[in-house]
Amino acid sequence: MNKESMNGAKPVASTARIKCIRDASEAAAWLLLLLGVLVAHKPVATLRNTFSKVKDKRSYGESFSVIYKIPCQNCNNYYVGQTGRKLNTRINEYTREIERYDQAPLVSTHVDEQGHHFNLDSATILGRARTWPACKFLQSRYSEMNSTNRHFDLEPVHELVRNRS
């Protein structure tokens, strides 16, 4: 910028980099210049950002350390679970447990007692967590009265978080 366009502006004291956003970055640069901040515009898309993502994204079932939801085909109930392994591995275990009439898992118990079927193919990922307490918190946050889970009561402070979302 030349001296004639800086009428009323303070002398430049510092510089800042902001992303280029059409029509907005020029206005922001002008306002910051009035405050004595010189702006260097940074492009949003760069070659490095475009070509540096060399890993393929994981498929849905290949995700691990997830909190998931499996709906029942016959009623409004659902099961909320968590696993540190791949989601496909846990879904395959549910299939075997249901075929063996295993009474330990809550999914097969609901199938045996009610005669219903869980739609294992339509399991959805609700969230991710890295630690065991975080997994248990998210599992209890997403399990409500319609879930077949053993219901974990949350602290009153955490109930506010559940009600907000």
Protein backbone atom coordinates (compact mmCIF):
# COMPACT_ATOMS: atom_id res chain seq x y z
CA MET A 1 0.00 0.00 0.00
CA ASN A 2 1.27 3.45 -0.77
CA LYS A 3 1.39 6.40 1.58
CA GLU A 4 -1.64 8.10 0.00
CA SER A 5 -3.91 5.11 0.74
CA MET A 6 -2.82 5.01 4.39
CA ASN A 7 -4.42 8.33 5.37
CA GLY A 8 -5.37 8.18 9.03
CA ALA A 9 -3.58 4.87 9.62
CA LYS A 10 -1.14 4.38 12.47
CA PRO A 11 2.48 3.54 11.67
CA VAL A 12 2.95 -0.21 11.15
CA ALA A 13 3.80 -1.83 14.48
CA SER A 14 3.36 -5.52 13.63
CA THR A 15 2.31 -7.93 10.91
CA ALA A 16 -0.28 -10.69 10.77
CA ARG A 17 -1.09 -13.50 8.35
CA ILE A 18 -4.72 -14.17 7.54
CA LYS A 19 -6.29 -16.58 5.07
CA CYS A 20 -7.52 -15.18 1.79
CA ILE A 21 -11.29 -15.09 1.78
CA ARG A 22 -12.92 -13.32 -1.10
CA ASP A 23 -14.03 -9.76 -0.20
CA ALA A 24 -13.58 -10.39 3.54
CA SER A 25 -9.80 -10.49 3.78
CA GLU A 26 -9.38 -7.13 2.03
CA ALA A 27 -11.80 -5.47 4.44
CA ALA A 28 -10.09 -7.11 7.42
CA ALA A 29 -6.70 -6.01 6.11
CA TRP A 30 -7.89 -2.41 5.84
CA LEU A 31 -9.29 -2.40 9.38
CA LEU A 32 -6.13 -3.96 10.78
CA LEU A 33 -4.00 -1.42 8.90
CA LEU A 34 -5.91 1.37 10.64
CA LEU A 35 -4.81 -0.24 13.92
CA GLY A 36 -1.19 -0.38 12.77
CA VAL A 37 -1.09 -4.06 11.76
CA LEU A 38 0.21 -4.93 8.30
CA VAL A 39 -1.48 -8.02 6.83
CA ALA A 40 0.12 -10.72 4.70
CA HIS A 41 -2.50 -12.81 2.91
CA LYS A 42 -2.14 -16.58 3.07
CA PRO A 43 -3.85 -18.79 0.46
CA VAL A 44 -6.40 -21.28 1.80
CA ALA A 45 -5.53 -24.04 -0.67
CA THR A 46 -1.87 -24.79 -1.26
CA LEU A 47 -0.13 -27.53 -3.21
CA ARG A 48 1.18 -28.97 0.04
CA ASN A 49 -2.32 -29.22 1.52
CA THR A 50 -3.68 -30.74 -1.68
CA PHE A 51 -1.03 -33.39 -2.33
CA SER A 52 0.34 -34.30 1.10
CA LYS A 53 -2.57 -36.52 2.14
CA VAL A 54 -1.05 -39.83 1.10
CA LYS A 55 -3.02 -42.17 3.39
CA ASP A 56 -6.30 -43.63 2.21
CA LYS A 57 -9.25 -43.06 4.50
CA ARG A 58 -10.35 -46.07 6.50
CA SER A 59 -13.55 -47.77 5.55
CA TYR A 60 -16.41 -47.55 8.00
CA GLY A 61 -15.91 -51.01 9.50
CA GLU A 62 -12.15 -50.60 9.76
CA SER A 63 -12.53 -47.82 12.35
CA PHE A 64 -11.33 -48.67 15.85
CA SER A 65 -11.73 -47.17 19.34
CA VAL A 66 -15.31 -46.19 18.61
CA ILE A 67 -18.64 -45.89 20.38
CA TYR A 68 -21.34 -47.36 18.15
CA LYS A 69 -25.11 -47.83 17.98
CA ILE A 70 -26.94 -50.89 16.64
CA PRO A 71 -30.71 -50.49 16.07
CA CYS A 72 -33.29 -53.23 16.57
CA GLN A 73 -35.29 -54.02 13.42
CA ASN A 74 -38.52 -54.73 15.29
CA CYS A 75 -38.75 -51.99 17.90
CA ASN A 76 -37.30 -48.61 18.89
CA ASN A 77 -34.61 -50.17 21.08
CA TYR A 78 -30.96 -49.96 20.22
CA TYR A 79 -27.69 -51.07 21.71
CA VAL A 80 -24.83 -48.64 22.38
CA GLY A 81 -21.44 -50.26 22.69
CA GLN A 82 -17.77 -49.40 22.62
CA THR A 83 -14.77 -51.28 21.34
CA GLY A 84 -11.07 -50.65 21.11
CA ARG A 85 -10.83 -53.02 18.17
CA LYS A 86 -12.14 -52.71 14.62
CA LEU A 87 -15.90 -52.26 14.41
CA ASN A 88 -16.21 -55.12 11.88
CA THR A 89 -14.54 -57.49 14.33
CA ARG A 90 -17.04 -56.64 17.08
CA ILE A 91 -20.03 -56.89 14.70
CA ASN A 92 -18.86 -60.36 13.60
CA GLU A 93 -18.62 -61.38 17.27
CA TYR A 94 -22.23 -60.28 17.81
CA THR A 95 -23.30 -62.42 14.86
CA ARG A 96 -21.59 -65.50 16.35
CA GLU A 97 -22.98 -64.77 19.84
CA ILE A 98 -26.53 -64.55 18.49
CA GLU A 99 -26.12 -67.80 16.52
CA ARG A 100 -24.82 -69.58 19.66
CA TYR A 101 -27.63 -68.18 21.85
CA ASP A 102 -25.01 -66.76 24.18
CA GLN A 103 -26.77 -65.15 27.17
CA ALA A 104 -23.93 -62.86 28.28
CA PRO A 105 -24.15 -60.08 25.66
CA LEU A 106 -27.16 -57.81 25.89
CA VAL A 107 -27.67 -57.94 22.12
CA SER A 108 -28.23 -61.70 22.06
CA THR A 109 -30.33 -61.51 25.25
CA HIS A 110 -32.72 -59.05 23.54
CA VAL A 111 -32.88 -61.34 20.50
CA ASP A 112 -33.62 -64.41 22.64
CA GLU A 113 -36.14 -62.81 25.02
CA GLN A 114 -38.07 -60.64 22.57
CA GLY A 115 -37.60 -62.63 19.36
CA HIS A 116 -36.36 -59.46 17.68
CA HIS A 117 -33.41 -59.00 15.35
CA PHE A 118 -30.72 -56.35 15.49
CA ASN A 119 -29.74 -54.74 12.21
CA LEU A 120 -26.00 -55.35 12.57
CA ASP A 121 -25.28 -54.03 9.08
CA SER A 122 -26.61 -50.57 9.95
CA ALA A 123 -24.38 -49.93 12.96
CA THR A 124 -23.46 -46.26 13.19
CA ILE A 125 -20.43 -44.68 14.84
CA LEU A 126 -21.43 -42.15 17.50
CA GLY A 127 -17.98 -41.05 18.62
CA ARG A 128 -14.38 -41.91 19.34
CA ALA A 129 -12.40 -41.99 22.56
CA ARG A 130 -8.80 -42.81 23.40
CA THR A 131 -9.11 -43.68 27.09
CA TRP A 132 -11.29 -46.17 28.96
CA PRO A 133 -13.04 -43.54 31.16
CA ALA A 134 -13.83 -41.48 28.07
CA CYS A 135 -15.27 -44.57 26.34
CA LYS A 136 -17.49 -45.37 29.32
CA PHE A 137 -18.62 -41.75 29.59
CA LEU A 138 -19.59 -41.57 25.91
CA GLN A 139 -21.30 -44.95 26.07
CA SER A 140 -23.39 -43.84 29.05
CA ARG A 141 -24.06 -40.47 27.42
CA TYR A 142 -25.56 -42.08 24.32
CA SER A 143 -27.45 -44.86 26.13
CA GLU A 144 -30.90 -43.75 27.20
CA MET A 145 -34.15 -45.42 28.19
CA ASN A 146 -34.68 -46.94 24.70
CA SER A 147 -31.31 -48.64 24.76
CA THR A 148 -30.88 -52.27 25.77
CA ASN A 149 -27.74 -51.36 27.71
CA ARG A 150 -27.36 -51.61 31.42
CA HIS A 151 -28.04 -47.97 32.13
CA PHE A 152 -25.16 -46.04 33.67
CA ASP A 153 -26.32 -42.99 35.56
CA LEU A 154 -24.33 -39.88 34.84
CA GLU A 155 -23.38 -37.25 37.37
CA PRO A 156 -25.85 -34.33 37.36
CA VAL A 157 -23.22 -32.12 35.74
CA HIS A 158 -22.87 -34.56 32.84
CA GLU A 159 -26.65 -34.87 32.44
CA LEU A 160 -26.61 -31.25 31.28
CA VAL A 161 -24.25 -32.27 28.47
CA ARG A 162 -26.56 -35.13 27.43
CA ASN A 163 -29.63 -32.88 27.42
CA ARG A 164 -27.88 -30.19 25.39
CA SER A 165 -27.04 -32.48 22.45
